[in-house]
Amino acid sequence: MTINLIFKIAAVGILVSVLGQVLKHSGREEHAFLVSLAGLILVLLWVVPYILELFKTIQSLFSLY
């Protein structure tokens, strides 16, 4: 895992929180929820390949086939 991924996740978190607050204060709670959901999906798409790599490494470590 590179440090760039951590910075990307932090940037998405900051952006989602700022947009969520702006949308909530303007009375658009539904849009704020959708923005936070989109941020979560984006981060999951970035993290899932690393999780799969971790599971493959553990599988090869214990020789589970």
N, C-alpha and C. Protein backbone atom coordinates (compact mmCIF):
# COMPACT_ATOMS: atom_id res chain seq x y z
N MET A 1 0.84 -1.17 0.00
CA MET A 1 0.00 0.00 0.00
C MET A 1 0.89 1.24 0.00
N THR A 2 0.58 2.14 -0.86
CA THR A 2 1.40 3.34 -0.96
C THR A 2 0.80 4.47 -0.14
N ILE A 3 1.62 5.46 0.10
CA ILE A 3 1.16 6.62 0.86
C ILE A 3 0.18 7.44 0.04
N ASN A 4 0.24 7.32 -1.29
CA ASN A 4 -0.68 8.05 -2.15
C ASN A 4 -2.12 7.63 -1.91
N LEU A 5 -2.34 6.35 -1.65
CA LEU A 5 -3.68 5.87 -1.39
C LEU A 5 -4.24 6.48 -0.10
N ILE A 6 -3.40 6.60 0.90
CA ILE A 6 -3.84 7.19 2.16
C ILE A 6 -4.19 8.67 1.96
N PHE A 7 -3.39 9.37 1.17
CA PHE A 7 -3.69 10.78 0.89
C PHE A 7 -4.98 10.92 0.08
N LYS A 8 -5.21 10.01 -0.87
CA LYS A 8 -6.45 10.04 -1.65
C LYS A 8 -7.66 9.83 -0.76
N ILE A 9 -7.57 8.85 0.15
CA ILE A 9 -8.68 8.57 1.05
C ILE A 9 -8.95 9.77 1.96
N ALA A 10 -7.88 10.38 2.45
CA ALA A 10 -8.05 11.56 3.30
C ALA A 10 -8.68 12.72 2.52
N ALA A 11 -8.26 12.90 1.29
CA ALA A 11 -8.82 13.98 0.47
C ALA A 11 -10.30 13.76 0.20
N VAL A 12 -10.65 12.52 -0.10
CA VAL A 12 -12.07 12.21 -0.33
C VAL A 12 -12.87 12.43 0.95
N GLY A 13 -12.32 12.05 2.08
CA GLY A 13 -13.01 12.25 3.35
C GLY A 13 -13.25 13.71 3.65
N ILE A 14 -12.24 14.54 3.43
CA ILE A 14 -12.39 15.98 3.67
C ILE A 14 -13.40 16.58 2.70
N LEU A 15 -13.30 16.20 1.44
CA LEU A 15 -14.22 16.74 0.44
C LEU A 15 -15.66 16.33 0.72
N VAL A 16 -15.87 15.07 1.08
CA VAL A 16 -17.22 14.59 1.37
C VAL A 16 -17.78 15.28 2.60
N SER A 17 -16.96 15.48 3.61
CA SER A 17 -17.48 16.13 4.82
C SER A 17 -17.84 17.59 4.57
N VAL A 18 -17.03 18.29 3.80
CA VAL A 18 -17.34 19.69 3.48
C VAL A 18 -18.59 19.78 2.63
N LEU A 19 -18.67 18.96 1.58
CA LEU A 19 -19.87 18.99 0.73
C LEU A 19 -21.10 18.57 1.50
N GLY A 20 -20.96 17.59 2.38
CA GLY A 20 -22.09 17.15 3.19
C GLY A 20 -22.61 18.25 4.10
N GLN A 21 -21.71 18.98 4.73
CA GLN A 21 -22.13 20.08 5.59
C GLN A 21 -22.80 21.20 4.81
N VAL A 22 -22.25 21.52 3.65
CA VAL A 22 -22.85 22.57 2.82
C VAL A 22 -24.24 22.15 2.36
N LEU A 23 -24.38 20.91 1.94
CA LEU A 23 -25.69 20.45 1.48
C LEU A 23 -26.70 20.34 2.61
N LYS A 24 -26.24 19.93 3.79
CA LYS A 24 -27.17 19.84 4.93
C LYS A 24 -27.66 21.22 5.36
N HIS A 25 -26.78 22.20 5.35
CA HIS A 25 -27.18 23.54 5.75
C HIS A 25 -28.07 24.22 4.71
N SER A 26 -28.00 23.76 3.47
CA SER A 26 -28.87 24.32 2.45
C SER A 26 -30.19 23.56 2.36
N GLY A 27 -30.37 22.54 3.21
CA GLY A 27 -31.64 21.82 3.24
C GLY A 27 -31.75 20.66 2.28
N ARG A 28 -30.63 20.17 1.81
CA ARG A 28 -30.65 19.05 0.86
C ARG A 28 -29.99 17.83 1.49
N GLU A 29 -30.66 17.28 2.49
CA GLU A 29 -30.11 16.14 3.21
C GLU A 29 -29.97 14.90 2.33
N GLU A 30 -30.90 14.75 1.37
CA GLU A 30 -30.83 13.60 0.46
C GLU A 30 -29.57 13.64 -0.39
N HIS A 31 -29.25 14.83 -0.87
CA HIS A 31 -28.04 14.97 -1.68
C HIS A 31 -26.78 14.76 -0.84
N ALA A 32 -26.83 15.20 0.40
CA ALA A 32 -25.68 15.00 1.30
C ALA A 32 -25.46 13.51 1.53
N PHE A 33 -26.55 12.76 1.70
CA PHE A 33 -26.43 11.32 1.86
C PHE A 33 -25.85 10.67 0.61
N LEU A 34 -26.29 11.10 -0.55
CA LEU A 34 -25.77 10.53 -1.80
C LEU A 34 -24.30 10.86 -2.00
N VAL A 35 -23.88 12.04 -1.59
CA VAL A 35 -22.46 12.40 -1.69
C VAL A 35 -21.62 11.52 -0.78
N SER A 36 -22.09 11.30 0.44
CA SER A 36 -21.34 10.44 1.35
C SER A 36 -21.32 9.00 0.87
N LEU A 37 -22.41 8.54 0.30
CA LEU A 37 -22.45 7.18 -0.26
C LEU A 37 -21.50 7.04 -1.45
N ALA A 38 -21.45 8.05 -2.29
CA ALA A 38 -20.53 8.03 -3.43
C ALA A 38 -19.07 8.03 -2.97
N GLY A 39 -18.78 8.79 -1.92
CA GLY A 39 -17.43 8.79 -1.37
C GLY A 39 -17.04 7.43 -0.81
N LEU A 40 -17.98 6.79 -0.12
CA LEU A 40 -17.73 5.46 0.42
C LEU A 40 -17.48 4.45 -0.68
N ILE A 41 -18.27 4.48 -1.72
CA ILE A 41 -18.10 3.55 -2.84
C ILE A 41 -16.77 3.79 -3.54
N LEU A 42 -16.39 5.03 -3.72
CA LEU A 42 -15.11 5.35 -4.36
C LEU A 42 -13.94 4.81 -3.56
N VAL A 43 -13.97 5.02 -2.26
CA VAL A 43 -12.88 4.53 -1.40
C VAL A 43 -12.86 3.00 -1.40
N LEU A 44 -14.02 2.37 -1.37
CA LEU A 44 -14.06 0.90 -1.41
C LEU A 44 -13.48 0.36 -2.71
N LEU A 45 -13.75 1.04 -3.81
CA LEU A 45 -13.18 0.61 -5.09
C LEU A 45 -11.67 0.70 -5.09
N TRP A 46 -11.12 1.65 -4.36
CA TRP A 46 -9.67 1.77 -4.26
C TRP A 46 -9.07 0.73 -3.33
N VAL A 47 -9.80 0.34 -2.27
CA VAL A 47 -9.24 -0.50 -1.22
C VAL A 47 -9.43 -2.00 -1.50
N VAL A 48 -10.47 -2.37 -2.22
CA VAL A 48 -10.78 -3.79 -2.45
C VAL A 48 -9.62 -4.56 -3.10
N PRO A 49 -8.91 -4.02 -4.09
CA PRO A 49 -7.78 -4.79 -4.64
C PRO A 49 -6.70 -5.11 -3.60
N TYR A 50 -6.47 -4.21 -2.67
CA TYR A 50 -5.48 -4.47 -1.62
C TYR A 50 -5.97 -5.54 -0.66
N ILE A 51 -7.27 -5.56 -0.38
CA ILE A 51 -7.84 -6.60 0.48
C ILE A 51 -7.74 -7.96 -0.21
N LEU A 52 -8.03 -8.01 -1.50
CA LEU A 52 -7.90 -9.27 -2.24
C LEU A 52 -6.45 -9.76 -2.24
N GLU A 53 -5.52 -8.84 -2.41
CA GLU A 53 -4.10 -9.21 -2.36
C GLU A 53 -3.72 -9.74 -0.98
N LEU A 54 -4.26 -9.15 0.07
CA LEU A 54 -4.01 -9.63 1.43
C LEU A 54 -4.54 -11.04 1.61
N PHE A 55 -5.76 -11.31 1.13
CA PHE A 55 -6.32 -12.66 1.26
C PHE A 55 -5.51 -13.68 0.47
N LYS A 56 -5.05 -13.31 -0.71
CA LYS A 56 -4.22 -14.23 -1.50
C LYS A 56 -2.90 -14.51 -0.80
N THR A 57 -2.32 -13.50 -0.18
CA THR A 57 -1.07 -13.69 0.55
C THR A 57 -1.27 -14.61 1.75
N ILE A 58 -2.36 -14.40 2.47
CA ILE A 58 -2.65 -15.27 3.62
C ILE A 58 -2.92 -16.69 3.16
N GLN A 59 -3.62 -16.85 2.06
CA GLN A 59 -3.91 -18.17 1.52
C GLN A 59 -2.63 -18.88 1.13
N SER A 60 -1.71 -18.20 0.48
CA SER A 60 -0.45 -18.83 0.10
C SER A 60 0.45 -19.08 1.31
N LEU A 61 0.31 -18.25 2.33
CA LEU A 61 1.11 -18.43 3.54
C LEU A 61 0.72 -19.71 4.27
N PHE A 62 -0.57 -19.97 4.35
CA PHE A 62 -1.04 -21.16 5.04
C PHE A 62 -1.30 -22.32 4.09
N SER A 63 -1.03 -22.15 2.82
CA SER A 63 -1.20 -23.17 1.79
C SER A 63 -2.62 -23.72 1.77
N LEU A 64 -3.57 -22.83 1.78
CA LEU A 64 -4.98 -23.22 1.72
C LEU A 64 -5.42 -23.15 0.27
N TYR A 65 -5.86 -24.27 -0.25
CA TYR A 65 -6.32 -24.28 -1.64
C TYR A 65 -7.73 -24.72 -1.73
